[in-house]
């Protein structure tokens, strides 16, 4: 028997684990403008089947920054 234990997870959790393991993009180190550009390149806001359909973006660092803008 190995050192790992077995757990049951959902399909959604499995897919998220796979995606996060495959994607090594350093999003935390990107500027807000770089994140905006990436969202536009992925058609986020333009594609009916993706989040934020019908919107353009201005990315802020926090909810507080949004409230103060």
C-alpha atoms as a PDB file:
ATOM      1  CA  UNK A   1       0.000   0.000   0.000  1.00  0.00           C
ATOM      2  CA  UNK A   2       1.290   3.469  -0.901  1.00  0.00           C
ATOM      3  CA  UNK A   3       1.535   6.628   1.180  1.00  0.00           C
ATOM      4  CA  UNK A   4      -1.456   8.290  -0.472  1.00  0.00           C
ATOM      5  CA  UNK A   5      -5.033   7.964   0.668  1.00  0.00           C
ATOM      6  CA  UNK A   6      -8.002   7.805  -1.704  1.00  0.00           C
ATOM      7  CA  UNK A   7     -10.683  10.506  -1.889  1.00  0.00           C
ATOM      8  CA  UNK A   8     -13.796  10.934  -3.984  1.00  0.00           C
ATOM      9  CA  UNK A   9     -14.076  14.188  -5.951  1.00  0.00           C
ATOM     10  CA  UNK A  10     -16.520  15.548  -8.495  1.00  0.00           C
ATOM     11  CA  UNK A  11     -15.918  15.761 -12.220  1.00  0.00           C
ATOM     12  CA  UNK A  12     -15.787  19.549 -11.844  1.00  0.00           C
ATOM     13  CA  UNK A  13     -13.036  19.283  -9.233  1.00  0.00           C
ATOM     14  CA  UNK A  14     -11.088  16.831 -11.417  1.00  0.00           C
ATOM     15  CA  UNK A  15     -11.323  19.086 -14.459  1.00  0.00           C
ATOM     16  CA  UNK A  16     -10.226  22.129 -12.423  1.00  0.00           C
ATOM     17  CA  UNK A  17      -7.249  20.196 -11.018  1.00  0.00           C
ATOM     18  CA  UNK A  18      -6.204  19.130 -14.503  1.00  0.00           C
ATOM     19  CA  UNK A  19      -6.543  22.633 -15.945  1.00  0.00           C
ATOM     20  CA  UNK A  20      -4.624  24.266 -13.109  1.00  0.00           C
ATOM     21  CA  UNK A  21      -1.873  21.637 -13.416  1.00  0.00           C
ATOM     22  CA  UNK A  22      -1.526  22.127 -17.172  1.00  0.00           C
ATOM     23  CA  UNK A  23      -1.692  25.919 -17.153  1.00  0.00           C
ATOM     24  CA  UNK A  24       1.568  27.355 -15.888  1.00  0.00           C
ATOM     25  CA  UNK A  25       0.822  30.947 -16.942  1.00  0.00           C
ATOM     26  CA  UNK A  26       1.900  33.330 -14.133  1.00  0.00           C
ATOM     27  CA  UNK A  27      -1.373  35.294 -13.995  1.00  0.00           C
ATOM     28  CA  UNK A  28      -0.480  36.846 -10.632  1.00  0.00           C
ATOM     29  CA  UNK A  29       2.564  38.491 -12.198  1.00  0.00           C
ATOM     30  CA  UNK A  30       0.692  39.931 -15.178  1.00  0.00           C
ATOM     31  CA  UNK A  31      -0.369  43.574 -15.208  1.00  0.00           C
ATOM     32  CA  UNK A  32      -4.051  44.461 -15.252  1.00  0.00           C
ATOM     33  CA  UNK A  33      -3.645  45.552 -18.869  1.00  0.00           C
ATOM     34  CA  UNK A  34      -2.096  42.193 -19.800  1.00  0.00           C
ATOM     35  CA  UNK A  35      -5.037  40.401 -18.147  1.00  0.00           C
ATOM     36  CA  UNK A  36      -7.488  42.611 -20.069  1.00  0.00           C
ATOM     37  CA  UNK A  37      -5.700  41.815 -23.332  1.00  0.00           C
ATOM     38  CA  UNK A  38      -5.782  38.088 -22.584  1.00  0.00           C
ATOM     39  CA  UNK A  39      -9.516  38.224 -21.873  1.00  0.00           C
ATOM     40  CA  UNK A  40     -10.105  39.961 -25.223  1.00  0.00           C
ATOM     41  CA  UNK A  41      -7.902  37.406 -27.034  1.00  0.00           C
ATOM     42  CA  UNK A  42     -10.019  34.610 -25.538  1.00  0.00           C
ATOM     43  CA  UNK A  43     -13.228  36.361 -26.721  1.00  0.00           C
ATOM     44  CA  UNK A  44     -14.434  36.720 -23.137  1.00  0.00           C
ATOM     45  CA  UNK A  45     -17.193  39.295 -23.309  1.00  0.00           C
ATOM     46  CA  UNK A  46     -17.851  38.617 -27.000  1.00  0.00           C
ATOM     47  CA  UNK A  47     -18.723  34.900 -26.927  1.00  0.00           C
ATOM     48  CA  UNK A  48     -22.242  34.138 -25.728  1.00  0.00           C
ATOM     49  CA  UNK A  49     -21.022  30.925 -24.080  1.00  0.00           C
ATOM     50  CA  UNK A  50     -18.306  32.579 -21.979  1.00  0.00           C
ATOM     51  CA  UNK A  51     -18.559  34.732 -18.840  1.00  0.00           C
ATOM     52  CA  UNK A  52     -19.242  38.467 -19.015  1.00  0.00           C
ATOM     53  CA  UNK A  53     -20.926  38.313 -22.429  1.00  0.00           C
ATOM     54  CA  UNK A  54     -21.662  41.822 -23.704  1.00  0.00           C
ATOM     55  CA  UNK A  55     -19.042  43.559 -21.580  1.00  0.00           C
ATOM     56  CA  UNK A  56     -15.676  45.245 -21.979  1.00  0.00           C
ATOM     57  CA  UNK A  57     -13.221  45.223 -19.090  1.00  0.00           C
ATOM     58  CA  UNK A  58     -11.260  47.471 -16.797  1.00  0.00           C
ATOM     59  CA  UNK A  59      -9.451  45.352 -14.243  1.00  0.00           C
ATOM     60  CA  UNK A  60      -8.862  46.750 -10.771  1.00  0.00           C
ATOM     61  CA  UNK A  61      -6.764  45.225  -7.987  1.00  0.00           C
ATOM     62  CA  UNK A  62      -9.602  44.893  -5.459  1.00  0.00           C
ATOM     63  CA  UNK A  63     -13.298  45.489  -4.762  1.00  0.00           C
ATOM     64  CA  UNK A  64     -12.250  48.592  -2.836  1.00  0.00           C
ATOM     65  CA  UNK A  65     -10.531  49.965  -5.922  1.00  0.00           C
ATOM     66  CA  UNK A  66     -13.714  49.363  -7.927  1.00  0.00           C
ATOM     67  CA  UNK A  67     -15.818  51.151  -5.302  1.00  0.00           C
ATOM     68  CA  UNK A  68     -13.435  54.135  -5.318  1.00  0.00           C
ATOM     69  CA  UNK A  69     -13.196  54.510  -9.085  1.00  0.00           C
END
